[in-house]
Amino acid sequence: MQLRDFVVGSKVNGLEVGKTVEIVAVKHHGDMVAEVTYKDADGNLNEQMVYADQAAEMELSDKALPWSFDADADRMRLVSEAYRIHLAYLFDPYLAVHTSSIEPLPHQISAVYEKMLPRQPLRFVLADDPGAGKTIMTGLLMKELIMRGDIKRCLIVCPGNLAEQWQDELHRKFHLRFEILTNDRVDERSRAGKIRQ
């Protein structure tokens, strides 16, 4: 930076250690020295004589404000969309219903949205009669919790003969992928753990 770069309104790093200050007045005394009046972020005024060799160690701040609009537009759009999706449940209280391939019954809606979701964090046992829609209620609850950022991993315990049906329905209707945990898979993982040790 050179002394001629000190003009009213410019932001300068280096006049005060670790601070960016705004120039409010400049009086040049030849080519080698300038009397600079500046204001810091708190609004405090100060004055300093700046010599040409000192000015060379200072730099103009490229940001006139603490924030600017020079970010990558595509990345900004991606971040804002992700944030909108993260908060979507605030604007659409039945977000999981509207983003799934289902038509829930009234008792399923009331169980998930009136009983389960308001009582977080709790663990639930869905033990309705056969055909009452436990898979639907489970899918709705999990999808709402995922969209709110409340769960990342989940274990569902269901009757063994229905495990594949649950896995298929949760994937087909809610786009939720689950692995079926069998004794063979548990043995594989325990063997792999012993090998690593």
N, C-alpha and C. Protein backbone atom coordinates (compact mmCIF):
# COMPACT_ATOMS: atom_id res chain seq x y z
N MET A 1 0.85 -1.19 0.00
CA MET A 1 0.00 0.00 0.00
C MET A 1 0.89 1.24 0.00
N GLN A 2 0.45 2.28 -0.67
CA GLN A 2 1.20 3.54 -0.73
C GLN A 2 0.40 4.65 -0.06
N LEU A 3 1.08 5.73 0.24
CA LEU A 3 0.41 6.82 0.95
C LEU A 3 -0.76 7.39 0.15
N ARG A 4 -0.66 7.40 -1.17
CA ARG A 4 -1.76 7.94 -1.98
C ARG A 4 -3.03 7.09 -1.89
N ASP A 5 -2.88 5.84 -1.41
CA ASP A 5 -4.05 4.96 -1.24
C ASP A 5 -4.88 5.32 -0.02
N PHE A 6 -4.31 6.15 0.88
CA PHE A 6 -5.07 6.57 2.06
C PHE A 6 -6.03 7.67 1.63
N VAL A 7 -7.31 7.29 1.45
CA VAL A 7 -8.34 8.27 1.08
C VAL A 7 -9.52 8.09 2.03
N VAL A 8 -10.29 9.14 2.16
CA VAL A 8 -11.44 9.11 3.06
C VAL A 8 -12.41 8.00 2.63
N GLY A 9 -12.80 7.18 3.60
CA GLY A 9 -13.75 6.10 3.34
C GLY A 9 -13.10 4.75 3.12
N SER A 10 -11.78 4.72 2.89
CA SER A 10 -11.13 3.42 2.66
C SER A 10 -10.94 2.69 3.98
N LYS A 11 -10.91 1.37 3.89
CA LYS A 11 -10.71 0.52 5.06
C LYS A 11 -9.29 -0.02 4.99
N VAL A 12 -8.57 0.08 6.12
CA VAL A 12 -7.16 -0.27 6.13
C VAL A 12 -6.86 -1.26 7.25
N ASN A 13 -6.09 -2.30 6.93
CA ASN A 13 -5.57 -3.23 7.93
C ASN A 13 -4.13 -2.84 8.22
N GLY A 14 -3.78 -2.76 9.50
CA GLY A 14 -2.39 -2.51 9.86
C GLY A 14 -2.15 -1.20 10.59
N LEU A 15 -3.09 -0.27 10.56
CA LEU A 15 -2.92 0.95 11.34
C LEU A 15 -2.98 0.63 12.82
N GLU A 16 -3.88 -0.26 13.19
CA GLU A 16 -3.93 -0.79 14.55
C GLU A 16 -3.84 -2.30 14.45
N VAL A 17 -3.13 -2.90 15.38
CA VAL A 17 -2.88 -4.34 15.32
C VAL A 17 -4.18 -5.13 15.41
N GLY A 18 -4.40 -6.01 14.43
CA GLY A 18 -5.55 -6.90 14.43
C GLY A 18 -6.88 -6.23 14.18
N LYS A 19 -6.87 -4.99 13.70
CA LYS A 19 -8.14 -4.28 13.47
C LYS A 19 -8.17 -3.73 12.06
N THR A 20 -9.38 -3.62 11.54
CA THR A 20 -9.61 -2.90 10.29
C THR A 20 -10.24 -1.57 10.67
N VAL A 21 -9.66 -0.48 10.20
CA VAL A 21 -10.15 0.85 10.55
C VAL A 21 -10.58 1.59 9.29
N GLU A 22 -11.44 2.57 9.47
CA GLU A 22 -11.92 3.38 8.35
C GLU A 22 -11.28 4.76 8.40
N ILE A 23 -10.74 5.19 7.28
CA ILE A 23 -10.10 6.51 7.19
C ILE A 23 -11.19 7.57 7.13
N VAL A 24 -11.11 8.58 8.03
CA VAL A 24 -12.10 9.66 8.02
C VAL A 24 -11.50 10.99 7.57
N ALA A 25 -10.16 11.11 7.66
CA ALA A 25 -9.50 12.33 7.18
C ALA A 25 -8.03 12.03 6.91
N VAL A 26 -7.48 12.67 5.88
CA VAL A 26 -6.07 12.49 5.52
C VAL A 26 -5.49 13.85 5.17
N LYS A 27 -4.30 14.11 5.71
CA LYS A 27 -3.58 15.34 5.36
C LYS A 27 -2.16 14.93 4.97
N HIS A 28 -1.84 15.08 3.68
CA HIS A 28 -0.53 14.68 3.18
C HIS A 28 0.48 15.79 3.43
N HIS A 29 1.65 15.40 3.88
CA HIS A 29 2.77 16.32 4.08
C HIS A 29 3.89 15.87 3.14
N GLY A 30 3.77 16.21 1.88
CA GLY A 30 4.75 15.76 0.89
C GLY A 30 4.45 14.33 0.47
N ASP A 31 5.46 13.66 -0.11
CA ASP A 31 5.28 12.30 -0.60
C ASP A 31 5.65 11.23 0.42
N MET A 32 6.23 11.64 1.55
CA MET A 32 6.79 10.66 2.47
C MET A 32 6.00 10.47 3.77
N VAL A 33 5.06 11.36 4.05
CA VAL A 33 4.32 11.24 5.31
C VAL A 33 2.90 11.79 5.14
N ALA A 34 1.97 11.16 5.89
CA ALA A 34 0.58 11.61 5.88
C ALA A 34 0.03 11.54 7.30
N GLU A 35 -0.78 12.52 7.61
CA GLU A 35 -1.45 12.53 8.92
C GLU A 35 -2.84 11.94 8.71
N VAL A 36 -3.08 10.77 9.33
CA VAL A 36 -4.30 10.01 9.06
C VAL A 36 -5.18 9.99 10.31
N THR A 37 -6.44 10.36 10.14
CA THR A 37 -7.44 10.23 11.20
C THR A 37 -8.35 9.08 10.81
N TYR A 38 -8.56 8.17 11.75
CA TYR A 38 -9.34 6.97 11.44
C TYR A 38 -10.28 6.61 12.58
N LYS A 39 -11.24 5.75 12.24
CA LYS A 39 -12.26 5.31 13.19
C LYS A 39 -12.23 3.79 13.22
N ASP A 40 -12.25 3.20 14.43
CA ASP A 40 -12.26 1.73 14.52
C ASP A 40 -13.70 1.22 14.52
N ALA A 41 -13.87 -0.08 14.65
CA ALA A 41 -15.21 -0.70 14.58
C ALA A 41 -16.12 -0.24 15.70
N ASP A 42 -15.54 0.18 16.84
CA ASP A 42 -16.34 0.66 17.97
C ASP A 42 -16.70 2.13 17.84
N GLY A 43 -16.19 2.80 16.80
CA GLY A 43 -16.46 4.22 16.59
C GLY A 43 -15.47 5.15 17.25
N ASN A 44 -14.41 4.60 17.82
CA ASN A 44 -13.39 5.44 18.47
C ASN A 44 -12.49 6.08 17.42
N LEU A 45 -12.26 7.38 17.56
CA LEU A 45 -11.40 8.10 16.63
C LEU A 45 -9.97 8.11 17.15
N ASN A 46 -9.04 8.08 16.21
CA ASN A 46 -7.62 8.14 16.56
C ASN A 46 -6.89 8.79 15.40
N GLU A 47 -5.67 9.24 15.67
CA GLU A 47 -4.88 9.93 14.66
C GLU A 47 -3.46 9.39 14.69
N GLN A 48 -2.85 9.32 13.51
CA GLN A 48 -1.49 8.76 13.46
C GLN A 48 -0.76 9.34 12.27
N MET A 49 0.54 9.56 12.45
CA MET A 49 1.41 9.96 11.34
C MET A 49 1.89 8.67 10.69
N VAL A 50 1.69 8.55 9.38
CA VAL A 50 2.08 7.34 8.66
C VAL A 50 3.17 7.71 7.66
N TYR A 51 4.28 7.00 7.71
CA TYR A 51 5.39 7.22 6.79
C TYR A 51 5.30 6.22 5.64
N ALA A 52 5.96 6.53 4.55
CA ALA A 52 5.88 5.70 3.34
C ALA A 52 6.30 4.26 3.61
N ASP A 53 7.35 4.05 4.41
CA ASP A 53 7.79 2.68 4.68
C ASP A 53 6.79 1.92 5.56
N GLN A 54 6.09 2.63 6.44
CA GLN A 54 5.05 1.98 7.23
C GLN A 54 3.85 1.62 6.35
N ALA A 55 3.50 2.50 5.44
CA ALA A 55 2.36 2.27 4.55
C ALA A 55 2.56 1.01 3.71
N ALA A 56 3.81 0.72 3.37
CA ALA A 56 4.11 -0.46 2.55
C ALA A 56 3.74 -1.75 3.29
N GLU A 57 3.72 -1.71 4.62
CA GLU A 57 3.38 -2.90 5.41
C GLU A 57 1.88 -3.01 5.70
N MET A 58 1.12 -2.00 5.29
CA MET A 58 -0.33 -2.02 5.51
C MET A 58 -1.04 -2.44 4.24
N GLU A 59 -2.31 -2.75 4.37
CA GLU A 59 -3.06 -3.15 3.17
C GLU A 59 -4.49 -2.65 3.26
N LEU A 60 -5.05 -2.40 2.08
CA LEU A 60 -6.46 -2.03 2.01
C LEU A 60 -7.31 -3.27 2.26
N SER A 61 -8.34 -3.10 3.04
CA SER A 61 -9.26 -4.22 3.26
C SER A 61 -10.12 -4.38 2.03
N ASP A 62 -10.24 -5.63 1.54
CA ASP A 62 -11.04 -5.87 0.34
C ASP A 62 -12.52 -5.95 0.66
N LYS A 63 -12.87 -5.90 1.93
CA LYS A 63 -14.28 -5.96 2.31
C LYS A 63 -14.65 -4.65 3.00
N ALA A 64 -15.51 -3.91 2.36
CA ALA A 64 -15.93 -2.65 2.93
C ALA A 64 -16.87 -2.85 4.12
N LEU A 65 -17.52 -4.00 4.18
CA LEU A 65 -18.47 -4.31 5.25
C LEU A 65 -18.07 -5.63 5.90
N PRO A 66 -18.53 -5.92 7.12
CA PRO A 66 -18.21 -7.20 7.72
C PRO A 66 -18.80 -8.38 6.93
N TRP A 67 -19.77 -8.12 6.05
CA TRP A 67 -20.32 -9.15 5.17
C TRP A 67 -20.36 -8.57 3.77
N SER A 68 -20.39 -9.45 2.79
CA SER A 68 -20.43 -8.97 1.41
C SER A 68 -21.24 -9.94 0.58
N PHE A 69 -21.45 -9.58 -0.67
CA PHE A 69 -22.25 -10.40 -1.57
C PHE A 69 -21.40 -10.97 -2.69
N ASP A 70 -20.18 -11.39 -2.36
CA ASP A 70 -19.28 -11.89 -3.39
C ASP A 70 -19.05 -13.40 -3.31
N ALA A 71 -19.93 -14.11 -2.62
CA ALA A 71 -19.80 -15.57 -2.51
C ALA A 71 -20.25 -16.24 -3.80
N ASP A 72 -19.89 -17.51 -3.96
CA ASP A 72 -20.29 -18.30 -5.11
C ASP A 72 -21.81 -18.48 -5.08
N ALA A 73 -22.49 -18.05 -6.13
CA ALA A 73 -23.96 -18.05 -6.16
C ALA A 73 -24.53 -19.47 -6.11
N ASP A 74 -23.90 -20.41 -6.80
CA ASP A 74 -24.41 -21.79 -6.79
C ASP A 74 -24.31 -22.40 -5.40
N ARG A 75 -23.20 -22.14 -4.73
CA ARG A 75 -23.04 -22.68 -3.38
C ARG A 75 -24.03 -22.02 -2.42
N MET A 76 -24.26 -20.73 -2.59
CA MET A 76 -25.23 -20.02 -1.74
C MET A 76 -26.63 -20.58 -1.94
N ARG A 77 -26.99 -20.87 -3.19
CA ARG A 77 -28.29 -21.45 -3.49
C ARG A 77 -28.42 -22.83 -2.85
N LEU A 78 -27.34 -23.62 -2.94
CA LEU A 78 -27.35 -24.96 -2.35
C LEU A 78 -27.51 -24.89 -0.83
N VAL A 79 -26.77 -23.99 -0.19
CA VAL A 79 -26.85 -23.85 1.27
C VAL A 79 -28.23 -23.37 1.70
N SER A 80 -28.77 -22.39 0.98
CA SER A 80 -30.09 -21.88 1.36
C SER A 80 -31.18 -22.92 1.15
N GLU A 81 -31.05 -23.74 0.09
CA GLU A 81 -32.02 -24.80 -0.14
C GLU A 81 -31.93 -25.87 0.95
N ALA A 82 -30.70 -26.21 1.33
CA ALA A 82 -30.52 -27.20 2.41
C ALA A 82 -31.11 -26.68 3.72
N TYR A 83 -30.90 -25.39 3.99
CA TYR A 83 -31.45 -24.80 5.21
C TYR A 83 -32.97 -24.75 5.16
N ARG A 84 -33.52 -24.46 3.97
CA ARG A 84 -34.98 -24.43 3.81
C ARG A 84 -35.57 -25.83 4.07
N ILE A 85 -34.92 -26.86 3.52
CA ILE A 85 -35.39 -28.23 3.74
C ILE A 85 -35.27 -28.60 5.21
N HIS A 86 -34.16 -28.17 5.84
CA HIS A 86 -33.96 -28.46 7.26
C HIS A 86 -35.08 -27.86 8.12
N LEU A 87 -35.60 -26.71 7.73
CA LEU A 87 -36.66 -26.05 8.50
C LEU A 87 -38.05 -26.25 7.91
N ALA A 88 -38.16 -27.10 6.89
CA ALA A 88 -39.44 -27.26 6.18
C ALA A 88 -40.56 -27.71 7.09
N TYR A 89 -40.25 -28.52 8.11
CA TYR A 89 -41.31 -29.01 8.99
C TYR A 89 -41.99 -27.88 9.77
N LEU A 90 -41.31 -26.73 9.91
CA LEU A 90 -41.94 -25.59 10.59
C LEU A 90 -43.05 -24.99 9.75
N PHE A 91 -42.91 -25.08 8.43
CA PHE A 91 -43.89 -24.49 7.51
C PHE A 91 -44.92 -25.51 7.04
N ASP A 92 -44.52 -26.79 7.05
CA ASP A 92 -45.43 -27.86 6.65
C ASP A 92 -45.45 -28.89 7.78
N PRO A 93 -46.41 -28.81 8.69
CA PRO A 93 -46.40 -29.71 9.85
C PRO A 93 -46.55 -31.18 9.48
N TYR A 94 -47.00 -31.48 8.26
CA TYR A 94 -47.14 -32.87 7.82
C TYR A 94 -46.18 -33.16 6.67
N LEU A 95 -44.95 -32.71 6.81
CA LEU A 95 -43.97 -32.83 5.74
C LEU A 95 -43.75 -34.28 5.32
N ALA A 96 -43.65 -35.19 6.27
CA ALA A 96 -43.41 -36.59 5.93
C ALA A 96 -44.57 -37.17 5.14
N VAL A 97 -45.78 -36.73 5.43
CA VAL A 97 -46.95 -37.22 4.68
C VAL A 97 -46.85 -36.78 3.22
N HIS A 98 -46.48 -35.51 3.03
CA HIS A 98 -46.46 -34.95 1.68
C HIS A 98 -45.25 -35.38 0.86
N THR A 99 -44.24 -35.95 1.49
CA THR A 99 -43.05 -36.39 0.75
C THR A 99 -42.95 -37.91 0.69
N SER A 100 -44.01 -38.59 1.02
CA SER A 100 -44.03 -40.05 0.99
C SER A 100 -45.14 -40.55 0.07
N SER A 101 -45.04 -41.80 -0.33
CA SER A 101 -46.04 -42.40 -1.23
C SER A 101 -47.11 -43.12 -0.42
N ILE A 102 -47.83 -42.35 0.39
CA ILE A 102 -48.85 -42.96 1.25
C ILE A 102 -50.08 -42.07 1.34
N GLU A 103 -51.18 -42.66 1.80
CA GLU A 103 -52.39 -41.92 2.16
C GLU A 103 -52.76 -42.37 3.56
N PRO A 104 -52.25 -41.69 4.59
CA PRO A 104 -52.45 -42.16 5.97
C PRO A 104 -53.90 -42.01 6.42
N LEU A 105 -54.26 -42.88 7.35
CA LEU A 105 -55.59 -42.83 7.95
C LEU A 105 -55.56 -41.86 9.13
N PRO A 106 -56.75 -41.37 9.56
CA PRO A 106 -56.77 -40.38 10.64
C PRO A 106 -56.10 -40.85 11.94
N HIS A 107 -56.27 -42.13 12.30
CA HIS A 107 -55.66 -42.58 13.56
C HIS A 107 -54.12 -42.61 13.44
N GLN A 108 -53.59 -42.81 12.24
CA GLN A 108 -52.14 -42.79 12.06
C GLN A 108 -51.60 -41.37 12.19
N ILE A 109 -52.31 -40.42 11.63
CA ILE A 109 -51.92 -39.00 11.74
C ILE A 109 -51.93 -38.57 13.20
N SER A 110 -53.01 -38.89 13.92
CA SER A 110 -53.10 -38.45 15.32
C SER A 110 -52.05 -39.15 16.18
N ALA A 111 -51.76 -40.42 15.91
CA ALA A 111 -50.74 -41.12 16.71
C ALA A 111 -49.38 -40.48 16.54
N VAL A 112 -48.99 -40.19 15.29
CA VAL A 112 -47.65 -39.65 15.03
C VAL A 112 -47.56 -38.18 15.39
N TYR A 113 -48.49 -37.36 14.89
CA TYR A 113 -48.35 -35.90 15.00
C TYR A 113 -48.91 -35.32 16.30
N GLU A 114 -49.82 -36.03 16.95
CA GLU A 114 -50.38 -35.51 18.19
C GLU A 114 -49.82 -36.18 19.43
N LYS A 115 -49.42 -37.44 19.32
CA LYS A 115 -48.95 -38.18 20.50
C LYS A 115 -47.43 -38.33 20.53
N MET A 116 -46.83 -38.81 19.43
CA MET A 116 -45.41 -39.16 19.45
C MET A 116 -44.48 -37.96 19.29
N LEU A 117 -44.66 -37.20 18.23
CA LEU A 117 -43.71 -36.10 17.95
C LEU A 117 -43.61 -35.06 19.07
N PRO A 118 -44.74 -34.65 19.68
CA PRO A 118 -44.61 -33.64 20.75
C PRO A 118 -43.88 -34.15 21.99
N ARG A 119 -43.74 -35.47 22.16
CA ARG A 119 -43.15 -36.03 23.38
C ARG A 119 -41.71 -36.46 23.21
N GLN A 120 -40.99 -35.85 22.32
CA GLN A 120 -39.57 -36.22 22.14
C GLN A 120 -38.76 -35.67 23.30
N PRO A 121 -37.69 -36.31 23.70
CA PRO A 121 -37.20 -37.59 23.21
C PRO A 121 -37.77 -38.73 24.04
N LEU A 122 -38.50 -39.61 23.40
CA LEU A 122 -39.04 -40.81 24.04
C LEU A 122 -38.86 -42.00 23.10
N ARG A 123 -38.87 -43.18 23.65
CA ARG A 123 -38.88 -44.39 22.83
C ARG A 123 -40.32 -44.90 22.81
N PHE A 124 -40.72 -45.45 21.67
CA PHE A 124 -42.11 -45.87 21.51
C PHE A 124 -42.20 -47.34 21.17
N VAL A 125 -43.26 -47.96 21.63
CA VAL A 125 -43.60 -49.31 21.21
C VAL A 125 -44.95 -49.19 20.50
N LEU A 126 -44.95 -49.47 19.21
CA LEU A 126 -46.20 -49.48 18.45
C LEU A 126 -46.73 -50.91 18.48
N ALA A 127 -47.83 -51.11 19.16
CA ALA A 127 -48.36 -52.47 19.32
C ALA A 127 -49.84 -52.51 18.98
N ASP A 128 -50.22 -51.87 17.89
CA ASP A 128 -51.62 -51.88 17.46
C ASP A 128 -51.99 -53.26 16.92
N ASP A 129 -53.27 -53.41 16.64
CA ASP A 129 -53.77 -54.65 16.04
C ASP A 129 -53.14 -54.87 14.67
N PRO A 130 -53.07 -56.12 14.21
CA PRO A 130 -52.56 -56.37 12.86
C PRO A 130 -53.38 -55.61 11.83
N GLY A 131 -52.69 -54.98 10.90
CA GLY A 131 -53.37 -54.23 9.84
C GLY A 131 -53.71 -52.80 10.20
N ALA A 132 -53.31 -52.33 11.39
CA ALA A 132 -53.64 -50.96 11.81
C ALA A 132 -52.70 -49.93 11.20
N GLY A 133 -51.61 -50.39 10.62
CA GLY A 133 -50.70 -49.45 9.96
C GLY A 133 -49.49 -49.08 10.78
N LYS A 134 -48.93 -50.04 11.51
CA LYS A 134 -47.73 -49.75 12.32
C LYS A 134 -46.54 -49.33 11.45
N THR A 135 -46.43 -49.95 10.27
CA THR A 135 -45.34 -49.59 9.37
C THR A 135 -45.48 -48.14 8.91
N ILE A 136 -46.70 -47.73 8.61
CA ILE A 136 -46.95 -46.35 8.18
C ILE A 136 -46.61 -45.38 9.30
N MET A 137 -47.07 -45.68 10.50
CA MET A 137 -46.78 -44.78 11.63
C MET A 137 -45.28 -44.71 11.91
N THR A 138 -44.62 -45.84 11.83
CA THR A 138 -43.17 -45.87 12.06
C THR A 138 -42.46 -45.06 10.99
N GLY A 139 -42.85 -45.25 9.73
CA GLY A 139 -42.23 -44.51 8.64
C GLY A 139 -42.44 -43.01 8.77
N LEU A 140 -43.65 -42.60 9.12
CA LEU A 140 -43.95 -41.17 9.31
C LEU A 140 -43.10 -40.58 10.44
N LEU A 141 -43.06 -41.29 11.57
CA LEU A 141 -42.29 -40.80 12.71
C LEU A 141 -40.81 -40.67 12.36
N MET A 142 -40.26 -41.71 11.75
CA MET A 142 -38.83 -41.67 11.42
C MET A 142 -38.51 -40.58 10.41
N LYS A 143 -39.35 -40.44 9.39
CA LYS A 143 -39.09 -39.43 8.37
C LYS A 143 -39.16 -38.02 8.95
N GLU A 144 -40.14 -37.77 9.82
CA GLU A 144 -40.22 -36.46 10.48
C GLU A 144 -38.98 -36.22 11.34
N LEU A 145 -38.55 -37.22 12.10
CA LEU A 145 -37.39 -37.05 12.96
C LEU A 145 -36.11 -36.85 12.14
N ILE A 146 -36.00 -37.53 11.02
CA ILE A 146 -34.83 -37.35 10.15
C ILE A 146 -34.81 -35.94 9.59
N MET A 147 -35.96 -35.45 9.12
CA MET A 147 -36.01 -34.10 8.54
C MET A 147 -35.75 -33.03 9.59
N ARG A 148 -36.02 -33.31 10.82
CA ARG A 148 -35.76 -32.35 11.90
C ARG A 148 -34.36 -32.49 12.45
N GLY A 149 -33.63 -33.50 11.97
CA GLY A 149 -32.26 -33.73 12.44
C GLY A 149 -32.19 -34.39 13.80
N ASP A 150 -33.27 -35.06 14.21
CA ASP A 150 -33.30 -35.68 15.53
C ASP A 150 -32.80 -37.12 15.56
N ILE A 151 -32.77 -37.80 14.43
CA ILE A 151 -32.19 -39.14 14.40
C ILE A 151 -31.29 -39.31 13.18
N LYS A 152 -30.24 -40.10 13.38
CA LYS A 152 -29.35 -40.46 12.27
C LYS A 152 -29.36 -41.96 12.04
N ARG A 153 -29.47 -42.71 13.14
CA ARG A 153 -29.54 -44.17 13.04
C ARG A 153 -30.75 -44.65 13.82
N CYS A 154 -31.30 -45.78 13.38
CA CYS A 154 -32.52 -46.27 14.01
C CYS A 154 -32.54 -47.79 13.94
N LEU A 155 -33.01 -48.42 14.99
CA LEU A 155 -33.20 -49.86 15.02
C LEU A 155 -34.69 -50.13 15.19
N ILE A 156 -35.24 -50.92 14.27
CA ILE A 156 -36.65 -51.30 14.36
C ILE A 156 -36.70 -52.78 14.70
N VAL A 157 -37.44 -53.11 15.74
CA VAL A 157 -37.63 -54.51 16.13
C VAL A 157 -39.05 -54.89 15.72
N CYS A 158 -39.14 -55.83 14.80
CA CYS A 158 -40.46 -56.27 14.33
C CYS A 158 -40.47 -57.79 14.33
N PRO A 159 -41.65 -58.41 14.17
CA PRO A 159 -41.68 -59.88 14.10
C PRO A 159 -40.77 -60.36 12.96
N GLY A 160 -40.00 -61.43 13.25
CA GLY A 160 -39.02 -61.92 12.29
C GLY A 160 -39.58 -62.25 10.93
N ASN A 161 -40.80 -62.82 10.90
CA ASN A 161 -41.38 -63.19 9.61
C ASN A 161 -41.85 -61.99 8.80
N LEU A 162 -41.88 -60.77 9.43
CA LEU A 162 -42.31 -59.56 8.73
C LEU A 162 -41.14 -58.62 8.39
N ALA A 163 -39.92 -59.02 8.73
CA ALA A 163 -38.77 -58.13 8.55
C ALA A 163 -38.61 -57.68 7.10
N GLU A 164 -38.71 -58.60 6.16
CA GLU A 164 -38.54 -58.24 4.75
C GLU A 164 -39.69 -57.35 4.27
N GLN A 165 -40.89 -57.62 4.75
CA GLN A 165 -42.04 -56.77 4.39
C GLN A 165 -41.84 -55.35 4.90
N TRP A 166 -41.39 -55.21 6.15
CA TRP A 166 -41.11 -53.89 6.72
C TRP A 166 -40.03 -53.19 5.90
N GLN A 167 -38.96 -53.91 5.61
CA GLN A 167 -37.85 -53.33 4.85
C GLN A 167 -38.35 -52.82 3.50
N ASP A 168 -39.15 -53.63 2.82
CA ASP A 168 -39.67 -53.26 1.50
C ASP A 168 -40.61 -52.06 1.58
N GLU A 169 -41.54 -52.07 2.54
CA GLU A 169 -42.51 -50.97 2.64
C GLU A 169 -41.85 -49.66 3.03
N LEU A 170 -40.89 -49.71 3.96
CA LEU A 170 -40.22 -48.47 4.36
C LEU A 170 -39.42 -47.88 3.21
N HIS A 171 -38.86 -48.74 2.37
CA HIS A 171 -38.12 -48.23 1.22
C HIS A 171 -39.07 -47.72 0.14
N ARG A 172 -40.09 -48.48 -0.16
CA ARG A 172 -41.01 -48.14 -1.25
C ARG A 172 -41.86 -46.90 -0.91
N LYS A 173 -42.33 -46.82 0.31
CA LYS A 173 -43.26 -45.74 0.66
C LYS A 173 -42.59 -44.50 1.23
N PHE A 174 -41.44 -44.69 1.89
CA PHE A 174 -40.79 -43.55 2.58
C PHE A 174 -39.36 -43.29 2.11
N HIS A 175 -38.87 -44.11 1.20
CA HIS A 175 -37.48 -43.98 0.70
C HIS A 175 -36.47 -44.09 1.84
N LEU A 176 -36.76 -44.95 2.81
CA LEU A 176 -35.86 -45.20 3.93
C LEU A 176 -35.24 -46.59 3.74
N ARG A 177 -33.92 -46.64 3.74
CA ARG A 177 -33.22 -47.91 3.52
C ARG A 177 -32.81 -48.52 4.85
N PHE A 178 -33.15 -49.80 5.02
CA PHE A 178 -32.77 -50.54 6.23
C PHE A 178 -32.12 -51.85 5.84
N GLU A 179 -31.17 -52.29 6.66
CA GLU A 179 -30.59 -53.62 6.53
C GLU A 179 -31.26 -54.51 7.56
N ILE A 180 -31.50 -55.75 7.19
CA ILE A 180 -32.06 -56.71 8.14
C ILE A 180 -30.90 -57.32 8.92
N LEU A 181 -30.98 -57.21 10.22
CA LEU A 181 -29.92 -57.71 11.10
C LEU A 181 -30.23 -59.17 11.45
N THR A 182 -29.42 -60.06 10.89
CA THR A 182 -29.60 -61.49 11.13
C THR A 182 -28.45 -62.00 11.99
N ASN A 183 -28.59 -63.24 12.50
CA ASN A 183 -27.51 -63.83 13.30
C ASN A 183 -26.23 -63.95 12.49
N ASP A 184 -26.34 -64.30 11.20
CA ASP A 184 -25.16 -64.40 10.34
C ASP A 184 -24.43 -63.06 10.24
N ARG A 185 -25.20 -61.99 10.09
CA ARG A 185 -24.58 -60.67 9.98
C ARG A 185 -23.91 -60.26 11.29
N VAL A 186 -24.54 -60.60 12.41
CA VAL A 186 -23.93 -60.31 13.71
C VAL A 186 -22.63 -61.09 13.86
N ASP A 187 -22.64 -62.37 13.46
CA ASP A 187 -21.42 -63.19 13.54
C ASP A 187 -20.33 -62.63 12.64
N GLU A 188 -20.69 -62.18 11.43
CA GLU A 188 -19.71 -61.58 10.51
C GLU A 188 -19.05 -60.36 11.15
N ARG A 189 -19.86 -59.50 11.72
CA ARG A 189 -19.32 -58.27 12.31
C ARG A 189 -18.46 -58.57 13.53
N SER A 190 -18.87 -59.55 14.33
CA SER A 190 -18.05 -59.87 15.51
C SER A 190 -16.72 -60.50 15.08
N ARG A 191 -16.75 -61.34 14.03
CA ARG A 191 -15.50 -61.91 13.51
C ARG A 191 -14.60 -60.81 12.94
N ALA A 192 -15.20 -59.86 12.22
CA ALA A 192 -14.41 -58.77 11.64
C ALA A 192 -13.80 -57.91 12.74
N GLY A 193 -14.54 -57.73 13.85
CA GLY A 193 -14.01 -56.97 14.98
C GLY A 193 -12.82 -57.67 15.63
N LYS A 194 -12.90 -58.98 15.74
CA LYS A 194 -11.78 -59.74 16.33
C LYS A 194 -10.55 -59.69 15.43
N ILE A 195 -10.76 -59.76 14.12
CA ILE A 195 -9.64 -59.71 13.19
C ILE A 195 -8.93 -58.37 13.30
N ARG A 196 -9.70 -57.27 13.42
CA ARG A 196 -9.09 -55.93 13.54
C ARG A 196 -8.27 -55.80 14.82
N GLN A 197 -8.74 -56.47 15.89
CA GLN A 197 -8.01 -56.37 17.17
C GLN A 197 -6.71 -57.12 17.06
